[in-house]
Amino acid sequence: MKPLKFLLSRISRKGDSRHLRARLESCVETVLLLQKEVGEEELSPEVVAQFERLRDSLPHIKEGSVNEHDICRIEQITNDVLAGMRNVLSHKSISNMSDGKIH
């Protein structure tokens, strides 16, 4: 019974890791797509540069090296960026930014 419990816990952690990675990728994609839609003058170049660095580092992040706390911080930053852009977005016509990926 003990080996089965160990195997299930490893599968669960691996699934959690993929879910965390998907959340991270979603944040990065959202901000960078938003920047393309609204233009460079509307979104802080510093914010864009940070998210571009994060995007470029994604392939090098080892599975399991990102935890829930890290993702929550990045999601909060993403939400802050979106909240800051609310006024601009309410006056612009935005195309469909999603490519249909759901996670």
PDB file of N, CA and C in Angstrom:
ATOM      1  N   MET A   1       0.821  -1.193   0.000  1.00  0.00           N
ATOM      2  CA  MET A   1       0.000   0.000   0.000  1.00  0.00           C
ATOM      3  C   MET A   1       0.865   1.257   0.000  1.00  0.00           C
ATOM      4  N   LYS A   2       1.996   1.225   0.697  1.00  0.00           N
ATOM      5  CA  LYS A   2       2.855   2.395   0.771  1.00  0.00           C
ATOM      6  C   LYS A   2       3.392   2.816  -0.602  1.00  0.00           C
ATOM      7  N   PRO A   3       3.876   1.866  -1.467  1.00  0.00           N
ATOM      8  CA  PRO A   3       4.365   2.286  -2.782  1.00  0.00           C
ATOM      9  C   PRO A   3       3.279   2.960  -3.628  1.00  0.00           C
ATOM     10  N   LEU A   4       2.037   2.509  -3.536  1.00  0.00           N
ATOM     11  CA  LEU A   4       0.950   3.118  -4.291  1.00  0.00           C
ATOM     12  C   LEU A   4       0.723   4.555  -3.830  1.00  0.00           C
ATOM     13  N   LYS A   5       0.742   4.770  -2.535  1.00  0.00           N
ATOM     14  CA  LYS A   5       0.560   6.115  -1.995  1.00  0.00           C
ATOM     15  C   LYS A   5       1.686   7.036  -2.483  1.00  0.00           C
ATOM     16  N   PHE A   6       2.925   6.532  -2.495  1.00  0.00           N
ATOM     17  CA  PHE A   6       4.060   7.309  -2.976  1.00  0.00           C
ATOM     18  C   PHE A   6       3.884   7.654  -4.450  1.00  0.00           C
ATOM     19  N   LEU A   7       3.482   6.694  -5.262  1.00  0.00           N
ATOM     20  CA  LEU A   7       3.279   6.923  -6.687  1.00  0.00           C
ATOM     21  C   LEU A   7       2.189   7.961  -6.930  1.00  0.00           C
ATOM     22  N   LEU A   8       1.087   7.855  -6.206  1.00  0.00           N
ATOM     23  CA  LEU A   8      -0.002   8.815  -6.365  1.00  0.00           C
ATOM     24  C   LEU A   8       0.433  10.218  -5.970  1.00  0.00           C
ATOM     25  N   SER A   9       1.247  10.336  -4.934  1.00  0.00           N
ATOM     26  CA  SER A   9       1.706  11.662  -4.526  1.00  0.00           C
ATOM     27  C   SER A   9       2.640  12.254  -5.583  1.00  0.00           C
ATOM     28  N   ARG A  10       3.453  11.424  -6.220  1.00  0.00           N
ATOM     29  CA  ARG A  10       4.340  11.918  -7.282  1.00  0.00           C
ATOM     30  C   ARG A  10       3.534  12.355  -8.504  1.00  0.00           C
ATOM     31  N   ILE A  11       2.514  11.604  -8.863  1.00  0.00           N
ATOM     32  CA  ILE A  11       1.666  11.973  -9.994  1.00  0.00           C
ATOM     33  C   ILE A  11       0.964  13.284  -9.700  1.00  0.00           C
ATOM     34  N   SER A  12       0.465  13.418  -8.489  1.00  0.00           N
ATOM     35  CA  SER A  12      -0.226  14.643  -8.102  1.00  0.00           C
ATOM     36  C   SER A  12       0.706  15.842  -8.194  1.00  0.00           C
ATOM     37  N   ARG A  13       1.919  15.701  -7.695  1.00  0.00           N
ATOM     38  CA  ARG A  13       2.866  16.816  -7.754  1.00  0.00           C
ATOM     39  C   ARG A  13       3.222  17.161  -9.190  1.00  0.00           C
ATOM     40  N   LYS A  14       3.383  16.142 -10.031  1.00  0.00           N
ATOM     41  CA  LYS A  14       3.718  16.383 -11.428  1.00  0.00           C
ATOM     42  C   LYS A  14       2.569  17.134 -12.111  1.00  0.00           C
ATOM     43  N   GLY A  15       1.331  16.739 -11.838  1.00  0.00           N
ATOM     44  CA  GLY A  15       0.180  17.432 -12.389  1.00  0.00           C
ATOM     45  C   GLY A  15       0.097  18.859 -11.890  1.00  0.00           C
ATOM     46  N   ASP A  16       0.380  19.055 -10.608  1.00  0.00           N
ATOM     47  CA  ASP A  16       0.386  20.401 -10.040  1.00  0.00           C
ATOM     48  C   ASP A  16       1.429  21.261 -10.734  1.00  0.00           C
ATOM     49  N   SER A  17       2.576  20.692 -11.004  1.00  0.00           N
ATOM     50  CA  SER A  17       3.657  21.427 -11.646  1.00  0.00           C
ATOM     51  C   SER A  17       3.246  21.879 -13.046  1.00  0.00           C
ATOM     52  N   ARG A  18       2.596  21.000 -13.789  1.00  0.00           N
ATOM     53  CA  ARG A  18       2.125  21.363 -15.135  1.00  0.00           C
ATOM     54  C   ARG A  18       1.070  22.451 -15.050  1.00  0.00           C
ATOM     55  N   HIS A  19       0.211  22.357 -14.052  1.00  0.00           N
ATOM     56  CA  HIS A  19      -0.826  23.370 -13.873  1.00  0.00           C
ATOM     57  C   HIS A  19      -0.206  24.718 -13.524  1.00  0.00           C
ATOM     58  N   LEU A  20       0.784  24.717 -12.656  1.00  0.00           N
ATOM     59  CA  LEU A  20       1.462  25.955 -12.290  1.00  0.00           C
ATOM     60  C   LEU A  20       2.156  26.559 -13.502  1.00  0.00           C
ATOM     61  N   ARG A  21       2.792  25.719 -14.308  1.00  0.00           N
ATOM     62  CA  ARG A  21       3.461  26.199 -15.515  1.00  0.00           C
ATOM     63  C   ARG A  21       2.450  26.804 -16.484  1.00  0.00           C
ATOM     64  N   ALA A  22       1.299  26.175 -16.624  1.00  0.00           N
ATOM     65  CA  ALA A  22       0.256  26.703 -17.510  1.00  0.00           C
ATOM     66  C   ALA A  22      -0.242  28.057 -17.017  1.00  0.00           C
ATOM     67  N   ARG A  23      -0.390  28.198 -15.717  1.00  0.00           N
ATOM     68  CA  ARG A  23      -0.801  29.490 -15.152  1.00  0.00           C
ATOM     69  C   ARG A  23       0.241  30.559 -15.423  1.00  0.00           C
ATOM     70  N   LEU A  24       1.504  30.212 -15.265  1.00  0.00           N
ATOM     71  CA  LEU A  24       2.591  31.142 -15.526  1.00  0.00           C
ATOM     72  C   LEU A  24       2.606  31.556 -16.995  1.00  0.00           C
ATOM     73  N   GLU A  25       2.505  30.584 -17.884  1.00  0.00           N
ATOM     74  CA  GLU A  25       2.495  30.877 -19.317  1.00  0.00           C
ATOM     75  C   GLU A  25       1.299  31.752 -19.690  1.00  0.00           C
ATOM     76  N   SER A  26       0.176  31.511 -19.059  1.00  0.00           N
ATOM     77  CA  SER A  26      -1.015  32.309 -19.333  1.00  0.00           C
ATOM     78  C   SER A  26      -0.802  33.776 -18.965  1.00  0.00           C
ATOM     79  N   CYS A  27      -0.186  34.022 -17.831  1.00  0.00           N
ATOM     80  CA  CYS A  27       0.099  35.400 -17.414  1.00  0.00           C
ATOM     81  C   CYS A  27       1.010  36.083 -18.423  1.00  0.00           C
ATOM     82  N   VAL A  28       2.074  35.405 -18.791  1.00  0.00           N
ATOM     83  CA  VAL A  28       3.043  35.978 -19.715  1.00  0.00           C
ATOM     84  C   VAL A  28       2.379  36.275 -21.056  1.00  0.00           C
ATOM     85  N   GLU A  29       1.659  35.308 -21.589  1.00  0.00           N
ATOM     86  CA  GLU A  29       0.991  35.491 -22.877  1.00  0.00           C
ATOM     87  C   GLU A  29      -0.021  36.629 -22.825  1.00  0.00           C
ATOM     88  N   THR A  30      -0.759  36.731 -21.739  1.00  0.00           N
ATOM     89  CA  THR A  30      -1.772  37.778 -21.613  1.00  0.00           C
ATOM     90  C   THR A  30      -1.151  39.162 -21.682  1.00  0.00           C
ATOM     91  N   VAL A  31      -0.119  39.393 -20.912  1.00  0.00           N
ATOM     92  CA  VAL A  31       0.502  40.720 -20.888  1.00  0.00           C
ATOM     93  C   VAL A  31       1.160  41.040 -22.226  1.00  0.00           C
ATOM     94  N   LEU A  32       1.858  40.084 -22.812  1.00  0.00           N
ATOM     95  CA  LEU A  32       2.536  40.367 -24.080  1.00  0.00           C
ATOM     96  C   LEU A  32       1.548  40.540 -25.234  1.00  0.00           C
ATOM     97  N   LEU A  33       0.461  39.796 -25.225  1.00  0.00           N
ATOM     98  CA  LEU A  33      -0.572  40.009 -26.247  1.00  0.00           C
ATOM     99  C   LEU A  33      -1.258  41.352 -26.053  1.00  0.00           C
ATOM    100  N   LEU A  34      -1.479  41.719 -24.822  1.00  0.00           N
ATOM    101  CA  LEU A  34      -2.083  43.016 -24.522  1.00  0.00           C
ATOM    102  C   LEU A  34      -1.195  44.140 -25.047  1.00  0.00           C
ATOM    103  N   GLN A  35       0.100  44.004 -24.832  1.00  0.00           N
ATOM    104  CA  GLN A  35       1.044  45.018 -25.298  1.00  0.00           C
ATOM    105  C   GLN A  35       0.964  45.165 -26.816  1.00  0.00           C
ATOM    106  N   LYS A  36       0.848  44.057 -27.533  1.00  0.00           N
ATOM    107  CA  LYS A  36       0.725  44.119 -28.997  1.00  0.00           C
ATOM    108  C   LYS A  36      -0.567  44.815 -29.409  1.00  0.00           C
ATOM    109  N   GLU A  37      -1.634  44.559 -28.667  1.00  0.00           N
ATOM    110  CA  GLU A  37      -2.942  45.124 -29.004  1.00  0.00           C
ATOM    111  C   GLU A  37      -3.030  46.618 -28.740  1.00  0.00           C
ATOM    112  N   VAL A  38      -2.533  47.067 -27.607  1.00  0.00           N
ATOM    113  CA  VAL A  38      -2.709  48.471 -27.228  1.00  0.00           C
ATOM    114  C   VAL A  38      -1.559  49.351 -27.698  1.00  0.00           C
ATOM    115  N   GLY A  39      -0.463  48.742 -28.062  1.00  0.00           N
ATOM    116  CA  GLY A  39       0.683  49.516 -28.531  1.00  0.00           C
ATOM    117  C   GLY A  39       1.688  49.779 -27.435  1.00  0.00           C
ATOM    118  N   GLU A  40       2.884  50.035 -27.856  1.00  0.00           N
ATOM    119  CA  GLU A  40       3.990  50.203 -26.919  1.00  0.00           C
ATOM    120  C   GLU A  40       3.837  51.415 -26.012  1.00  0.00           C
ATOM    121  N   GLU A  41       3.175  52.462 -26.489  1.00  0.00           N
ATOM    122  CA  GLU A  41       3.068  53.683 -25.694  1.00  0.00           C
ATOM    123  C   GLU A  41       2.095  53.550 -24.523  1.00  0.00           C
ATOM    124  N   GLU A  42       1.237  52.557 -24.548  1.00  0.00           N
ATOM    125  CA  GLU A  42       0.217  52.413 -23.505  1.00  0.00           C
ATOM    126  C   GLU A  42       0.660  51.558 -22.316  1.00  0.00           C
ATOM    127  N   LEU A  43       1.649  50.716 -22.515  1.00  0.00           N
ATOM    128  CA  LEU A  43       2.084  49.795 -21.463  1.00  0.00           C
ATOM    129  C   LEU A  43       3.554  50.076 -21.159  1.00  0.00           C
ATOM    130  N   SER A  44       3.871  50.171 -19.902  1.00  0.00           N
ATOM    131  CA  SER A  44       5.232  50.504 -19.473  1.00  0.00           C
ATOM    132  C   SER A  44       6.265  49.574 -20.120  1.00  0.00           C
ATOM    133  N   PRO A  45       7.275  50.151 -20.769  1.00  0.00           N
ATOM    134  CA  PRO A  45       8.327  49.326 -21.369  1.00  0.00           C
ATOM    135  C   PRO A  45       9.035  48.448 -20.338  1.00  0.00           C
ATOM    136  N   GLU A  46       9.129  48.934 -19.117  1.00  0.00           N
ATOM    137  CA  GLU A  46       9.760  48.147 -18.051  1.00  0.00           C
ATOM    138  C   GLU A  46       8.950  46.882 -17.752  1.00  0.00           C
ATOM    139  N   VAL A  47       7.632  47.021 -17.702  1.00  0.00           N
ATOM    140  CA  VAL A  47       6.761  45.868 -17.449  1.00  0.00           C
ATOM    141  C   VAL A  47       6.879  44.873 -18.595  1.00  0.00           C
ATOM    142  N   VAL A  48       6.831  45.381 -19.815  1.00  0.00           N
ATOM    143  CA  VAL A  48       6.941  44.519 -20.995  1.00  0.00           C
ATOM    144  C   VAL A  48       8.274  43.782 -20.983  1.00  0.00           C
ATOM    145  N   ALA A  49       9.354  44.491 -20.668  1.00  0.00           N
ATOM    146  CA  ALA A  49      10.675  43.865 -20.631  1.00  0.00           C
ATOM    147  C   ALA A  49      10.740  42.750 -19.585  1.00  0.00           C
ATOM    148  N   GLN A  50      10.118  42.977 -18.429  1.00  0.00           N
ATOM    149  CA  GLN A  50      10.102  41.945 -17.381  1.00  0.00           C
ATOM    150  C   GLN A  50       9.358  40.694 -17.856  1.00  0.00           C
ATOM    151  N   PHE A  51       8.219  40.892 -18.498  1.00  0.00           N
ATOM    152  CA  PHE A  51       7.442  39.746 -18.975  1.00  0.00           C
ATOM    153  C   PHE A  51       8.137  39.057 -20.156  1.00  0.00           C
ATOM    154  N   GLU A  52       8.853  39.814 -20.982  1.00  0.00           N
ATOM    155  CA  GLU A  52       9.619  39.197 -22.065  1.00  0.00           C
ATOM    156  C   GLU A  52      10.748  38.342 -21.507  1.00  0.00           C
ATOM    157  N   ARG A  53      11.415  38.829 -20.463  1.00  0.00           N
ATOM    158  CA  ARG A  53      12.465  38.034 -19.814  1.00  0.00           C
ATOM    159  C   ARG A  53      11.877  36.760 -19.203  1.00  0.00           C
ATOM    160  N   LEU A  54      10.717  36.914 -18.595  1.00  0.00           N
ATOM    161  CA  LEU A  54      10.054  35.749 -18.012  1.00  0.00           C
ATOM    162  C   LEU A  54       9.702  34.737 -19.110  1.00  0.00           C
ATOM    163  N   ARG A  55       9.163  35.224 -20.227  1.00  0.00           N
ATOM    164  CA  ARG A  55       8.827  34.340 -21.359  1.00  0.00           C
ATOM    165  C   ARG A  55      10.079  33.618 -21.858  1.00  0.00           C
ATOM    166  N   ASP A  56      11.183  34.351 -21.999  1.00  0.00           N
ATOM    167  CA  ASP A  56      12.415  33.760 -22.506  1.00  0.00           C
ATOM    168  C   ASP A  56      13.006  32.737 -21.538  1.00  0.00           C
ATOM    169  N   SER A  57      12.716  32.879 -20.257  1.00  0.00           N
ATOM    170  CA  SER A  57      13.260  31.938 -19.275  1.00  0.00           C
ATOM    171  C   SER A  57      12.363  30.711 -19.078  1.00  0.00           C
ATOM    172  N   LEU A  58      11.139  30.747 -19.570  1.00  0.00           N
ATOM    173  CA  LEU A  58      10.214  29.617 -19.375  1.00  0.00           C
ATOM    174  C   LEU A  58      10.785  28.264 -19.801  1.00  0.00           C
ATOM    175  N   PRO A  59      11.439  28.167 -20.956  1.00  0.00           N
ATOM    176  CA  PRO A  59      11.971  26.847 -21.342  1.00  0.00           C
ATOM    177  C   PRO A  59      13.049  26.319 -20.393  1.00  0.00           C
ATOM    178  N   HIS A  60      13.641  27.197 -19.613  1.00  0.00           N
ATOM    179  CA  HIS A  60      14.741  26.797 -18.733  1.00  0.00           C
ATOM    180  C   HIS A  60      14.285  26.518 -17.300  1.00  0.00           C
ATOM    181  N   ILE A  61      13.011  26.724 -17.032  1.00  0.00           N
ATOM    182  CA  ILE A  61      12.487  26.475 -15.686  1.00  0.00           C
ATOM    183  C   ILE A  61      12.234  24.981 -15.532  1.00  0.00           C
ATOM    184  N   LYS A  62      12.869  24.398 -14.538  1.00  0.00           N
ATOM    185  CA  LYS A  62      12.713  22.966 -14.292  1.00  0.00           C
ATOM    186  C   LYS A  62      11.360  22.685 -13.670  1.00  0.00           C
ATOM    187  N   GLU A  63      10.791  21.533 -14.040  1.00  0.00           N
ATOM    188  CA  GLU A  63       9.512  21.130 -13.476  1.00  0.00           C
ATOM    189  C   GLU A  63       9.639  21.008 -11.968  1.00  0.00           C
ATOM    190  N   GLY A  64       8.710  21.605 -11.268  1.00  0.00           N
ATOM    191  CA  GLY A  64       8.706  21.547  -9.815  1.00  0.00           C
ATOM    192  C   GLY A  64       9.477  22.674  -9.149  1.00  0.00           C
ATOM    193  N   SER A  65      10.158  23.518  -9.948  1.00  0.00           N
ATOM    194  CA  SER A  65      10.943  24.586  -9.335  1.00  0.00           C
ATOM    195  C   SER A  65      10.124  25.845  -9.068  1.00  0.00           C
ATOM    196  N   VAL A  66       8.907  25.891  -9.582  1.00  0.00           N
ATOM    197  CA  VAL A  66       8.013  27.026  -9.347  1.00  0.00           C
ATOM    198  C   VAL A  66       6.924  26.562  -8.395  1.00  0.00           C
ATOM    199  N   ASN A  67       6.649  27.372  -7.368  1.00  0.00           N
ATOM    200  CA  ASN A  67       5.624  26.958  -6.416  1.00  0.00           C
ATOM    201  C   ASN A  67       4.402  27.868  -6.490  1.00  0.00           C
ATOM    202  N   GLU A  68       3.380  27.524  -5.761  1.00  0.00           N
ATOM    203  CA  GLU A  68       2.113  28.251  -5.759  1.00  0.00           C
ATOM    204  C   GLU A  68       2.318  29.724  -5.388  1.00  0.00           C
ATOM    205  N   HIS A  69       3.163  29.974  -4.425  1.00  0.00           N
ATOM    206  CA  HIS A  69       3.403  31.349  -3.985  1.00  0.00           C
ATOM    207  C   HIS A  69       3.986  32.191  -5.129  1.00  0.00           C
ATOM    208  N   ASP A  70       4.953  31.622  -5.853  1.00  0.00           N
ATOM    209  CA  ASP A  70       5.552  32.332  -6.994  1.00  0.00           C
ATOM    210  C   ASP A  70       4.492  32.681  -8.035  1.00  0.00           C
ATOM    211  N   ILE A  71       3.672  31.715  -8.349  1.00  0.00           N
ATOM    212  CA  ILE A  71       2.632  31.915  -9.376  1.00  0.00           C
ATOM    213  C   ILE A  71       1.623  32.958  -8.911  1.00  0.00           C
ATOM    214  N   CYS A  72       1.235  32.900  -7.662  1.00  0.00           N
ATOM    215  CA  CYS A  72       0.276  33.885  -7.139  1.00  0.00           C
ATOM    216  C   CYS A  72       0.834  35.303  -7.254  1.00  0.00           C
ATOM    217  N   ARG A  73       2.117  35.469  -6.997  1.00  0.00           N
ATOM    218  CA  ARG A  73       2.732  36.796  -7.132  1.00  0.00           C
ATOM    219  C   ARG A  73       2.690  37.274  -8.580  1.00  0.00           C
ATOM    220  N   ILE A  74       3.005  36.391  -9.508  1.00  0.00           N
ATOM    221  CA  ILE A  74       2.986  36.762 -10.928  1.00  0.00           C
ATOM    222  C   ILE A  74       1.558  37.030 -11.389  1.00  0.00           C
ATOM    223  N   GLU A  75       0.610  36.244 -10.910  1.00  0.00           N
ATOM    224  CA  GLU A  75      -0.793  36.494 -11.255  1.00  0.00           C
ATOM    225  C   GLU A  75      -1.261  37.836 -10.702  1.00  0.00           C
ATOM    226  N   GLN A  76      -0.812  38.198  -9.507  1.00  0.00           N
ATOM    227  CA  GLN A  76      -1.187  39.487  -8.935  1.00  0.00           C
ATOM    228  C   GLN A  76      -0.617  40.634  -9.756  1.00  0.00           C
ATOM    229  N   ILE A  77       0.625  40.491 -10.190  1.00  0.00           N
ATOM    230  CA  ILE A  77       1.232  41.514 -11.044  1.00  0.00           C
ATOM    231  C   ILE A  77       0.464  41.623 -12.359  1.00  0.00           C
ATOM    232  N   THR A  78       0.100  40.489 -12.932  1.00  0.00           N
ATOM    233  CA  THR A  78      -0.683  40.485 -14.173  1.00  0.00           C
ATOM    234  C   THR A  78      -2.016  41.183 -13.956  1.00  0.00           C
ATOM    235  N   ASN A  79      -2.684  40.886 -12.860  1.00  0.00           N
ATOM    236  CA  ASN A  79      -3.962  41.537 -12.549  1.00  0.00           C
ATOM    237  C   ASN A  79      -3.784  43.041 -12.359  1.00  0.00           C
ATOM    238  N   ASP A  80      -2.673  43.442 -11.737  1.00  0.00           N
ATOM    239  CA  ASP A  80      -2.394  44.870 -11.558  1.00  0.00           C
ATOM    240  C   ASP A  80      -2.193  45.554 -12.908  1.00  0.00           C
ATOM    241  N   VAL A  81      -1.474  44.892 -13.813  1.00  0.00           N
ATOM    242  CA  VAL A  81      -1.266  45.445 -15.159  1.00  0.00           C
ATOM    243  C   VAL A  81      -2.611  45.598 -15.873  1.00  0.00           C
ATOM    244  N   LEU A  82      -3.438  44.563 -15.800  1.00  0.00           N
ATOM    245  CA  LEU A  82      -4.750  44.613 -16.458  1.00  0.00           C
ATOM    246  C   LEU A  82      -5.639  45.693 -15.847  1.00  0.00           C
ATOM    247  N   ALA A  83      -5.582  45.827 -14.525  1.00  0.00           N
ATOM    248  CA  ALA A  83      -6.380  46.865 -13.863  1.00  0.00           C
ATOM    249  C   ALA A  83      -5.908  48.249 -14.287  1.00  0.00           C
ATOM    250  N   GLY A  84      -4.595  48.408 -14.414  1.00  0.00           N
ATOM    251  CA  GLY A  84      -4.046  49.682 -14.847  1.00  0.00           C
ATOM    252  C   GLY A  84      -4.413  50.023 -16.283  1.00  0.00           C
ATOM    253  N   MET A  85      -4.666  49.009 -17.069  1.00  0.00           N
ATOM    254  CA  MET A  85      -5.014  49.209 -18.477  1.00  0.00           C
ATOM    255  C   MET A  85      -6.521  49.293 -18.705  1.00  0.00           C
ATOM    256  N   ARG A  86      -7.301  49.143 -17.655  1.00  0.00           N
ATOM    257  CA  ARG A  86      -8.756  49.103 -17.781  1.00  0.00           C
ATOM    258  C   ARG A  86      -9.298  50.305 -18.549  1.00  0.00           C
ATOM    259  N   ASN A  87      -8.826  51.484 -18.247  1.00  0.00           N
ATOM    260  CA  ASN A  87      -9.316  52.691 -18.907  1.00  0.00           C
ATOM    261  C   ASN A  87      -9.000  52.672 -20.404  1.00  0.00           C
ATOM    262  N   VAL A  88      -7.769  52.317 -20.740  1.00  0.00           N
ATOM    263  CA  VAL A  88      -7.364  52.250 -22.147  1.00  0.00           C
ATOM    264  C   VAL A  88      -8.170  51.187 -22.878  1.00  0.00           C
ATOM    265  N   LEU A  89      -8.326  50.037 -22.237  1.00  0.00           N
ATOM    266  CA  LEU A  89      -9.036  48.931 -22.880  1.00  0.00           C
ATOM    267  C   LEU A  89     -10.512  49.237 -23.095  1.00  0.00           C
ATOM    268  N   SER A  90     -11.098  50.032 -22.223  1.00  0.00           N
ATOM    269  CA  SER A  90     -12.526  50.336 -22.360  1.00  0.00           C
ATOM    270  C   SER A  90     -12.796  51.224 -23.568  1.00  0.00           C
ATOM    271  N   HIS A  91     -11.770  51.908 -24.088  1.00  0.00           N
ATOM    272  CA  HIS A  91     -11.945  52.800 -25.232  1.00  0.00           C
ATOM    273  C   HIS A  91     -11.393  52.225 -26.530  1.00  0.00           C
ATOM    274  N   LYS A  92     -10.844  51.036 -26.479  1.00  0.00           N
ATOM    275  CA  LYS A  92     -10.262  50.428 -27.673  1.00  0.00           C
ATOM    276  C   LYS A  92     -11.052  49.201 -28.079  1.00  0.00           C
ATOM    277  N   SER A  93     -11.042  48.944 -29.361  1.00  0.00           N
ATOM    278  CA  SER A  93     -11.606  47.707 -29.869  1.00  0.00           C
ATOM    279  C   SER A  93     -10.485  46.671 -29.875  1.00  0.00           C
ATOM    280  N   ILE A  94     -10.663  45.636 -29.093  1.00  0.00           N
ATOM    281  CA  ILE A  94      -9.633  44.612 -28.966  1.00  0.00           C
ATOM    282  C   ILE A  94     -10.058  43.379 -29.753  1.00  0.00           C
ATOM    283  N   SER A  95      -9.131  42.847 -30.540  1.00  0.00           N
ATOM    284  CA  SER A  95      -9.417  41.625 -31.282  1.00  0.00           C
ATOM    285  C   SER A  95      -9.422  40.436 -30.319  1.00  0.00           C
ATOM    286  N   ASN A  96      -9.813  39.291 -30.818  1.00  0.00           N
ATOM    287  CA  ASN A  96      -9.800  38.078 -30.012  1.00  0.00           C
ATOM    288  C   ASN A  96      -8.356  37.734 -29.702  1.00  0.00           C
ATOM    289  N   MET A  97      -7.975  37.851 -28.436  1.00  0.00           N
ATOM    290  CA  MET A  97      -6.578  37.644 -28.045  1.00  0.00           C
ATOM    291  C   MET A  97      -6.280  36.187 -27.747  1.00  0.00           C
ATOM    292  N   SER A  98      -7.288  35.392 -27.605  1.00  0.00           N
ATOM    293  CA  SER A  98      -7.076  33.989 -27.248  1.00  0.00           C
ATOM    294  C   SER A  98      -6.913  33.142 -28.497  1.00  0.00           C
ATOM    295  N   ASP A  99      -6.014  32.172 -28.422  1.00  0.00           N
ATOM    296  CA  ASP A  99      -5.872  31.233 -29.518  1.00  0.00           C
ATOM    297  C   ASP A  99      -6.630  29.945 -29.231  1.00  0.00           C
ATOM    298  N   GLY A 100      -7.466  29.982 -28.197  1.00  0.00           N
ATOM    299  CA  GLY A 100      -8.309  28.842 -27.877  1.00  0.00           C
ATOM    300  C   GLY A 100      -7.737  27.884 -26.858  1.00  0.00           C
ATOM    301  N   LYS A 101      -6.519  28.130 -26.361  1.00  0.00           N
ATOM    302  CA  LYS A 101      -5.932  27.236 -25.352  1.00  0.00           C
ATOM    303  C   LYS A 101      -6.699  27.386 -24.054  1.00  0.00           C
ATOM    304  N   ILE A 102      -7.023  26.265 -23.465  1.00  0.00           N
ATOM    305  CA  ILE A 102      -7.694  26.261 -22.168  1.00  0.00           C
ATOM    306  C   ILE A 102      -6.900  25.337 -21.255  1.00  0.00           C
ATOM    307  N   HIS A 103      -6.682  25.789 -20.034  1.00  0.00           N
ATOM    308  CA  HIS A 103      -5.965  24.948 -19.075  1.00  0.00           C
ATOM    309  C   HIS A 103      -6.596  25.026 -17.721  1.00  0.00           C
TER     310      HIS A 103
END
